[in-house]
Amino acid sequence: MSIEEIRDEVRKVDLEILRLLARRMDLVGLILEEKKRQGLAINDDRQNELVLKRAMEKALELNLDVAAVKDIFQAIIDMSISRQHELSGEGKLP
């Protein structure tokens, strides 16, 4: 396989990652609706910690840099919280 073919495969993987991220953000809207229905706060520290723990455990299994995966998932969590604030009409909040 040539370097260009490999890079093409990397581009495909990158696109799939972005599609999955977009799908996750779509699910955030459904989560927000359910939180509103149940009278729950947007931010759920316990759930955020579970997401991070699960990601870090899987990173270890897959021989990935656990600290880097934690940072990536923290950014995803932050995006999700921000998106929920936007959808709820609160705008972008820290």
C-alpha atoms as a PDB file:
ATOM      1  CA  MET A   1       0.000   0.000   0.000  1.00  0.00           C
ATOM      2  CA  SER A   2       1.395   3.396  -0.952  1.00  0.00           C
ATOM      3  CA  ILE A   3       1.546   6.326   1.442  1.00  0.00           C
ATOM      4  CA  GLU A   4      -1.245   8.048  -0.491  1.00  0.00           C
ATOM      5  CA  GLU A   5      -3.459   4.979  -0.170  1.00  0.00           C
ATOM      6  CA  ILE A   6      -2.757   4.840   3.543  1.00  0.00           C
ATOM      7  CA  ARG A   7      -3.508   8.555   3.879  1.00  0.00           C
ATOM      8  CA  ASP A   8      -6.760   8.000   2.004  1.00  0.00           C
ATOM      9  CA  GLU A   9      -7.705   5.338   4.556  1.00  0.00           C
ATOM     10  CA  VAL A  10      -6.825   7.756   7.368  1.00  0.00           C
ATOM     11  CA  ARG A  11      -9.076  10.398   5.759  1.00  0.00           C
ATOM     12  CA  LYS A  12     -11.920   7.870   5.667  1.00  0.00           C
ATOM     13  CA  VAL A  13     -11.421   7.043   9.337  1.00  0.00           C
ATOM     14  CA  ASP A  14     -11.334  10.763  10.197  1.00  0.00           C
ATOM     15  CA  LEU A  15     -14.622  11.284   8.353  1.00  0.00           C
ATOM     16  CA  GLU A  16     -16.204   8.371  10.207  1.00  0.00           C
ATOM     17  CA  ILE A  17     -15.035   9.826  13.529  1.00  0.00           C
ATOM     18  CA  LEU A  18     -16.694  13.129  12.608  1.00  0.00           C
ATOM     19  CA  ARG A  19     -19.909  11.378  11.574  1.00  0.00           C
ATOM     20  CA  LEU A  20     -19.990   9.520  14.879  1.00  0.00           C
ATOM     21  CA  LEU A  21     -19.373  12.759  16.756  1.00  0.00           C
ATOM     22  CA  ALA A  22     -22.276  14.378  14.894  1.00  0.00           C
ATOM     23  CA  ARG A  23     -24.482  11.405  15.768  1.00  0.00           C
ATOM     24  CA  ARG A  24     -23.480  11.740  19.413  1.00  0.00           C
ATOM     25  CA  MET A  25     -24.428  15.422  19.349  1.00  0.00           C
ATOM     26  CA  ASP A  26     -27.825  14.442  17.885  1.00  0.00           C
ATOM     27  CA  LEU A  27     -28.330  12.074  20.814  1.00  0.00           C
ATOM     28  CA  VAL A  28     -27.520  14.937  23.182  1.00  0.00           C
ATOM     29  CA  GLY A  29     -30.791  16.557  22.124  1.00  0.00           C
ATOM     30  CA  LEU A  30     -32.718  13.436  23.124  1.00  0.00           C
ATOM     31  CA  ILE A  31     -30.877  13.316  26.428  1.00  0.00           C
ATOM     32  CA  LEU A  32     -31.779  16.957  27.074  1.00  0.00           C
ATOM     33  CA  GLU A  33     -35.468  16.255  26.411  1.00  0.00           C
ATOM     34  CA  GLU A  34     -35.425  13.403  28.909  1.00  0.00           C
ATOM     35  CA  LYS A  35     -33.548  15.483  31.489  1.00  0.00           C
ATOM     36  CA  LYS A  36     -36.175  18.218  31.162  1.00  0.00           C
ATOM     37  CA  ARG A  37     -38.979  15.675  31.511  1.00  0.00           C
ATOM     38  CA  GLN A  38     -37.399  14.283  34.675  1.00  0.00           C
ATOM     39  CA  GLY A  39     -36.439  17.701  36.053  1.00  0.00           C
ATOM     40  CA  LEU A  40     -32.721  16.904  35.962  1.00  0.00           C
ATOM     41  CA  ALA A  41     -29.852  19.363  35.624  1.00  0.00           C
ATOM     42  CA  ILE A  42     -27.934  19.560  32.354  1.00  0.00           C
ATOM     43  CA  ASN A  43     -24.602  18.704  33.931  1.00  0.00           C
ATOM     44  CA  ASP A  44     -24.340  15.303  35.614  1.00  0.00           C
ATOM     45  CA  ASP A  45     -20.885  14.939  37.138  1.00  0.00           C
ATOM     46  CA  ARG A  46     -21.486  11.292  38.030  1.00  0.00           C
ATOM     47  CA  GLN A  47     -22.376  10.406  34.430  1.00  0.00           C
ATOM     48  CA  ASN A  48     -19.431  12.410  33.107  1.00  0.00           C
ATOM     49  CA  GLU A  49     -17.082  10.447  35.372  1.00  0.00           C
ATOM     50  CA  LEU A  50     -18.609   7.160  34.174  1.00  0.00           C
ATOM     51  CA  VAL A  51     -18.054   8.164  30.543  1.00  0.00           C
ATOM     52  CA  LEU A  52     -14.431   9.081  31.259  1.00  0.00           C
ATOM     53  CA  LYS A  53     -13.807   5.894  33.228  1.00  0.00           C
ATOM     54  CA  ARG A  54     -15.317   3.720  30.484  1.00  0.00           C
ATOM     55  CA  ALA A  55     -13.259   5.468  27.795  1.00  0.00           C
ATOM     56  CA  MET A  56     -10.038   5.183  29.773  1.00  0.00           C
ATOM     57  CA  GLU A  57     -10.598   1.484  30.482  1.00  0.00           C
ATOM     58  CA  LYS A  58     -11.250   0.806  26.803  1.00  0.00           C
ATOM     59  CA  ALA A  59      -8.188   2.870  25.835  1.00  0.00           C
ATOM     60  CA  LEU A  60      -6.077   0.676  28.090  1.00  0.00           C
ATOM     61  CA  GLU A  61      -7.521  -2.478  26.482  1.00  0.00           C
ATOM     62  CA  LEU A  62      -6.772  -1.084  23.024  1.00  0.00           C
ATOM     63  CA  ASN A  63      -3.248  -0.017  23.979  1.00  0.00           C
ATOM     64  CA  LEU A  64      -4.017   3.672  23.431  1.00  0.00           C
ATOM     65  CA  ASP A  65      -2.627   6.638  25.337  1.00  0.00           C
ATOM     66  CA  VAL A  66      -5.046   6.749  28.291  1.00  0.00           C
ATOM     67  CA  ALA A  67      -4.330  10.398  29.149  1.00  0.00           C
ATOM     68  CA  ALA A  68      -4.916  11.484  25.549  1.00  0.00           C
ATOM     69  CA  VAL A  69      -8.174   9.514  25.367  1.00  0.00           C
ATOM     70  CA  LYS A  70      -9.289  11.095  28.639  1.00  0.00           C
ATOM     71  CA  ASP A  71      -8.601  14.558  27.165  1.00  0.00           C
ATOM     72  CA  ILE A  72     -10.513  13.701  23.990  1.00  0.00           C
ATOM     73  CA  PHE A  73     -13.527  12.434  25.907  1.00  0.00           C
ATOM     74  CA  GLN A  74     -13.445  15.416  28.252  1.00  0.00           C
ATOM     75  CA  ALA A  75     -13.648  17.640  25.168  1.00  0.00           C
ATOM     76  CA  ILE A  76     -16.592  15.573  23.887  1.00  0.00           C
ATOM     77  CA  ILE A  77     -18.339  15.891  27.256  1.00  0.00           C
ATOM     78  CA  ASP A  78     -17.726  19.655  27.228  1.00  0.00           C
ATOM     79  CA  MET A  79     -19.185  19.856  23.694  1.00  0.00           C
ATOM     80  CA  SER A  80     -22.210  17.872  24.825  1.00  0.00           C
ATOM     81  CA  ILE A  81     -22.850  20.121  27.818  1.00  0.00           C
ATOM     82  CA  SER A  82     -22.435  23.231  25.674  1.00  0.00           C
ATOM     83  CA  ARG A  83     -24.833  21.805  23.086  1.00  0.00           C
ATOM     84  CA  GLN A  84     -27.438  21.062  25.757  1.00  0.00           C
ATOM     85  CA  HIS A  85     -27.186  24.642  27.018  1.00  0.00           C
ATOM     86  CA  GLU A  86     -27.635  25.922  23.455  1.00  0.00           C
ATOM     87  CA  LEU A  87     -30.635  23.669  22.836  1.00  0.00           C
ATOM     88  CA  SER A  88     -32.233  24.690  26.120  1.00  0.00           C
ATOM     89  CA  GLY A  89     -32.004  28.359  25.117  1.00  0.00           C
ATOM     90  CA  GLU A  90     -29.308  29.203  27.627  1.00  0.00           C
ATOM     91  CA  GLY A  91     -26.690  29.880  24.960  1.00  0.00           C
ATOM     92  CA  LYS A  92     -23.060  28.949  25.319  1.00  0.00           C
ATOM     93  CA  LEU A  93     -22.158  28.828  28.973  1.00  0.00           C
ATOM     94  CA  PRO A  94     -18.841  27.873  30.517  1.00  0.00           C
END
